[in-house]
Amino acid sequence: MIPPLKKHGILLFFMVLSGISLIYVIGLSARQVENQKTILSMQTTVDKLNYQLNVHREAIAKTDFYRFQENIYRLQKPGFAKITNSVFKQSRKHGFDPYLVMAIIFVESSFNRHAVSKAGAYGLMQVNYPVWKSELNIDRKKLTEIDYNIELGLTILKGYLQETKGNMIKALILYNNGYKYTNTHYHEKVIASNFYQYADIG
């Protein structure tokens, strides 16, 4: 027969052992929970990275496709490609939407850089040489050059836009007619152009 004192000691020993085991199990469970949280967090991060990687792959594929289209376009229509490059560059420089500028050129000259009107307007944007030669110090020999002509045309348009306090329609009317206003349908043709439909005039 085990003495009561020993019996209590043994019981206490097993209680302590059970307590330690319980603490260990609880600690182990807590670590498992934390590990599961860490794994879930890592999986979420991996999923996000995979998504971003797929997005970047799609963007790269689109970029490659657009670059291919652009190269084919330049090879097929090098003259027109040069015009669009100049339009984009000069539009950004002067604060105009390039689609608007394309619409103006389409109506003014149908993209014929050598176009000359009876009134003495030259080039893509039909810059009127007699009217602007002194004020803009125009070099007549360069009027059919793409960059030079677009630069002059946008300088004139910007002046009219400032004069009309940002009213693009009135600026377009002045650009084509000066102060005579003989062509009442000019701005309507610009607006009706397919290019204008993409313009962000504000």
Protein backbone atom coordinates (compact mmCIF):
# COMPACT_ATOMS: atom_id res chain seq x y z
CA MET A 1 0.00 0.00 0.00
CA ILE A 2 1.39 3.44 -1.07
CA PRO A 3 1.60 5.90 1.81
CA PRO A 4 -0.75 8.91 1.43
CA LEU A 5 2.17 11.32 1.20
CA LYS A 6 3.77 9.37 -1.62
CA LYS A 7 0.40 9.01 -3.27
CA HIS A 8 -0.05 12.81 -3.20
CA GLY A 9 3.48 13.24 -4.52
CA ILE A 10 2.87 10.88 -7.40
CA LEU A 11 -0.45 12.56 -8.11
CA LEU A 12 1.23 15.96 -8.02
CA PHE A 13 3.97 14.70 -10.31
CA PHE A 14 1.46 13.49 -12.86
CA MET A 15 -0.52 16.74 -12.56
CA VAL A 16 2.64 18.76 -13.22
CA LEU A 17 3.57 16.44 -16.05
CA SER A 18 0.07 16.79 -17.50
CA GLY A 19 0.29 20.54 -17.13
CA ILE A 20 3.63 20.65 -18.89
CA SER A 21 2.28 18.40 -21.61
CA LEU A 22 -0.79 20.60 -21.96
CA ILE A 23 1.35 23.74 -22.18
CA TYR A 24 3.53 22.05 -24.80
CA VAL A 25 0.48 20.95 -26.78
CA ILE A 26 -1.04 24.44 -26.54
CA GLY A 27 2.26 25.96 -27.60
CA LEU A 28 2.56 23.49 -30.44
CA SER A 29 -1.00 24.28 -31.55
CA ALA A 30 -0.27 28.00 -31.39
CA ARG A 31 2.86 27.49 -33.51
CA GLN A 32 0.85 25.42 -35.98
CA VAL A 33 -1.73 28.20 -36.20
CA GLU A 34 1.03 30.77 -36.75
CA ASN A 35 2.66 28.51 -39.32
CA GLN A 36 -0.66 28.14 -41.12
CA LYS A 37 -1.09 31.93 -41.09
CA THR A 38 2.42 32.35 -42.45
CA ILE A 39 1.79 29.77 -45.17
CA LEU A 40 -1.50 31.47 -46.12
CA SER A 41 0.22 34.86 -46.18
CA MET A 42 3.02 33.48 -48.35
CA GLN A 43 0.49 31.85 -50.66
CA THR A 44 -1.38 35.17 -50.98
CA THR A 45 1.90 36.91 -51.81
CA VAL A 46 2.74 34.24 -54.40
CA ASP A 47 -0.73 34.59 -55.95
CA LYS A 48 -0.31 38.38 -56.17
CA LEU A 49 3.13 38.02 -57.73
CA ASN A 50 1.79 35.50 -60.26
CA TYR A 51 -1.04 37.88 -61.14
CA GLN A 52 1.38 40.80 -61.57
CA LEU A 53 3.66 38.59 -63.65
CA ASN A 54 0.76 37.66 -65.95
CA VAL A 55 -0.22 41.33 -66.23
CA HIS A 56 3.35 42.25 -67.17
CA ARG A 57 3.49 39.41 -69.69
CA GLU A 58 0.27 40.66 -71.31
CA ALA A 59 1.62 44.21 -71.35
CA ILE A 60 4.89 43.04 -72.94
CA ALA A 61 2.94 41.04 -75.54
CA LYS A 62 0.82 44.10 -76.38
CA THR A 63 3.90 46.30 -76.56
CA ASP A 64 5.58 43.84 -78.90
CA PHE A 65 2.45 43.76 -81.07
CA TYR A 66 2.17 47.56 -81.20
CA ARG A 67 5.88 47.83 -82.03
CA PHE A 68 5.37 45.31 -84.82
CA GLN A 69 2.38 47.27 -86.15
CA GLU A 70 4.33 50.52 -85.96
CA ASN A 71 7.32 49.09 -87.82
CA ILE A 72 5.11 47.66 -90.57
CA TYR A 73 3.29 50.99 -90.81
CA ARG A 74 6.55 52.91 -91.10
CA LEU A 75 7.83 50.54 -93.77
CA GLN A 76 4.59 50.71 -95.74
CA LYS A 77 3.92 54.46 -95.40
CA PRO A 78 7.16 56.21 -94.42
CA GLY A 79 5.95 59.67 -95.50
CA PHE A 80 2.76 59.52 -93.44
CA ALA A 81 4.68 58.06 -90.50
CA LYS A 82 6.97 61.10 -90.55
CA ILE A 83 3.94 63.40 -90.46
CA THR A 84 2.40 61.61 -87.48
CA ASN A 85 5.72 61.71 -85.60
CA SER A 86 5.98 65.45 -86.15
CA VAL A 87 2.33 66.03 -85.23
CA PHE A 88 2.78 64.18 -81.94
CA LYS A 89 6.01 66.00 -81.07
CA GLN A 90 4.79 69.48 -82.01
CA SER A 91 1.37 68.96 -80.40
CA ARG A 92 2.97 68.09 -77.08
CA LYS A 93 5.28 71.10 -77.38
CA HIS A 94 2.43 73.56 -78.01
CA GLY A 95 -0.16 71.97 -75.73
CA PHE A 96 -2.57 70.59 -78.33
CA ASP A 97 -4.21 67.21 -78.66
CA PRO A 98 -2.46 65.43 -81.57
CA TYR A 99 -5.77 64.05 -82.85
CA LEU A 100 -7.08 67.61 -83.22
CA VAL A 101 -3.96 68.57 -85.18
CA MET A 102 -4.38 65.53 -87.43
CA ALA A 103 -7.99 66.59 -88.06
CA ILE A 104 -6.88 70.12 -89.01
CA ILE A 105 -4.21 68.83 -91.39
CA PHE A 106 -6.68 66.40 -92.96
CA VAL A 107 -9.12 69.23 -93.71
CA GLU A 108 -6.45 71.75 -94.70
CA SER A 109 -4.30 69.68 -97.05
CA SER A 110 -5.35 66.01 -96.95
CA PHE A 111 -1.79 65.34 -95.72
CA ASN A 112 -0.23 66.74 -98.90
CA ARG A 113 2.86 68.56 -97.67
CA HIS A 114 3.27 70.23 -101.08
CA ALA A 115 -0.26 71.67 -101.18
CA VAL A 116 -0.48 75.34 -102.20
CA SER A 117 -3.69 77.37 -102.26
CA LYS A 118 -4.64 80.31 -104.49
CA ALA A 119 -4.40 82.56 -101.44
CA GLY A 120 -0.77 81.61 -100.91
CA ALA A 121 -1.21 79.06 -98.12
CA TYR A 122 1.47 76.36 -98.05
CA GLY A 123 2.00 72.87 -96.76
CA LEU A 124 0.27 70.51 -94.41
CA MET A 125 -1.36 73.17 -92.24
CA GLN A 126 -1.77 75.64 -95.10
CA VAL A 127 0.21 78.44 -93.50
CA ASN A 128 -0.68 81.68 -95.29
CA TYR A 129 2.65 83.11 -96.37
CA PRO A 130 1.49 86.62 -97.40
CA VAL A 131 -0.31 87.10 -94.07
CA TRP A 132 2.35 85.69 -91.70
CA LYS A 133 5.67 86.11 -93.52
CA SER A 134 6.77 89.21 -91.60
CA GLU A 135 5.22 88.49 -88.21
CA LEU A 136 6.66 84.97 -88.01
CA ASN A 137 9.74 85.69 -90.13
CA ILE A 138 8.85 82.77 -92.40
CA ASP A 139 11.40 81.13 -94.66
CA ARG A 140 9.35 80.46 -97.79
CA LYS A 141 11.72 77.74 -99.00
CA LYS A 142 11.03 75.69 -95.87
CA LEU A 143 7.24 76.00 -95.88
CA THR A 144 6.67 72.51 -97.27
CA GLU A 145 8.97 70.91 -94.72
CA ILE A 146 6.90 68.82 -92.31
CA ASP A 147 8.31 69.97 -88.95
CA TYR A 148 8.63 73.59 -89.98
CA ASN A 149 5.10 73.84 -91.38
CA ILE A 150 3.45 72.18 -88.38
CA GLU A 151 5.48 74.34 -86.00
CA LEU A 152 4.24 77.49 -87.76
CA GLY A 153 0.65 76.26 -87.96
CA LEU A 154 0.46 75.47 -84.26
CA THR A 155 2.10 78.76 -83.34
CA ILE A 156 -0.67 80.54 -85.27
CA LEU A 157 -3.42 78.38 -83.78
CA LYS A 158 -2.08 78.90 -80.25
CA GLY A 159 -2.20 82.66 -80.78
CA TYR A 160 -5.82 82.48 -81.88
CA LEU A 161 -6.69 80.19 -78.97
CA GLN A 162 -5.24 82.72 -76.53
CA GLU A 163 -7.12 85.52 -78.30
CA THR A 164 -10.42 83.64 -77.98
CA LYS A 165 -9.69 82.80 -74.32
CA GLY A 166 -9.55 79.05 -74.91
CA ASN A 167 -12.54 78.77 -77.25
CA MET A 168 -11.31 76.15 -79.72
CA ILE A 169 -14.19 76.53 -82.19
CA LYS A 170 -13.60 80.28 -82.53
CA ALA A 171 -9.85 79.64 -82.77
CA LEU A 172 -10.42 77.17 -85.61
CA ILE A 173 -12.64 79.65 -87.43
CA LEU A 174 -9.95 82.34 -87.16
CA TYR A 175 -7.24 79.89 -88.20
CA ASN A 176 -8.95 79.15 -91.50
CA ASN A 177 -10.68 82.46 -92.20
CA GLY A 178 -8.75 85.11 -90.36
CA TYR A 179 -11.27 87.82 -89.53
CA LYS A 180 -13.21 87.53 -92.80
CA TYR A 181 -15.19 84.43 -91.76
CA THR A 182 -15.98 83.37 -95.34
CA ASN A 183 -15.83 79.61 -94.74
CA THR A 184 -18.58 78.90 -92.23
CA HIS A 185 -18.25 75.13 -92.57
CA TYR A 186 -14.53 74.76 -91.93
CA HIS A 187 -14.72 74.00 -88.21
CA GLU A 188 -17.61 71.59 -88.87
CA LYS A 189 -15.39 69.63 -91.25
CA VAL A 190 -12.64 69.48 -88.63
CA ILE A 191 -15.09 68.24 -86.00
CA ALA A 192 -16.57 65.70 -88.42
CA SER A 193 -13.14 64.21 -89.11
CA ASN A 194 -12.49 60.69 -87.82
CA PHE A 195 -9.36 62.02 -86.13
CA TYR A 196 -11.30 64.58 -84.11
CA GLN A 197 -13.49 61.85 -82.60
CA TYR A 198 -10.50 60.73 -80.51
CA ALA A 199 -9.43 64.23 -79.49
CA ASP A 200 -9.59 65.27 -75.85
CA ILE A 201 -10.42 68.96 -76.17
CA GLY A 202 -11.54 69.44 -72.56
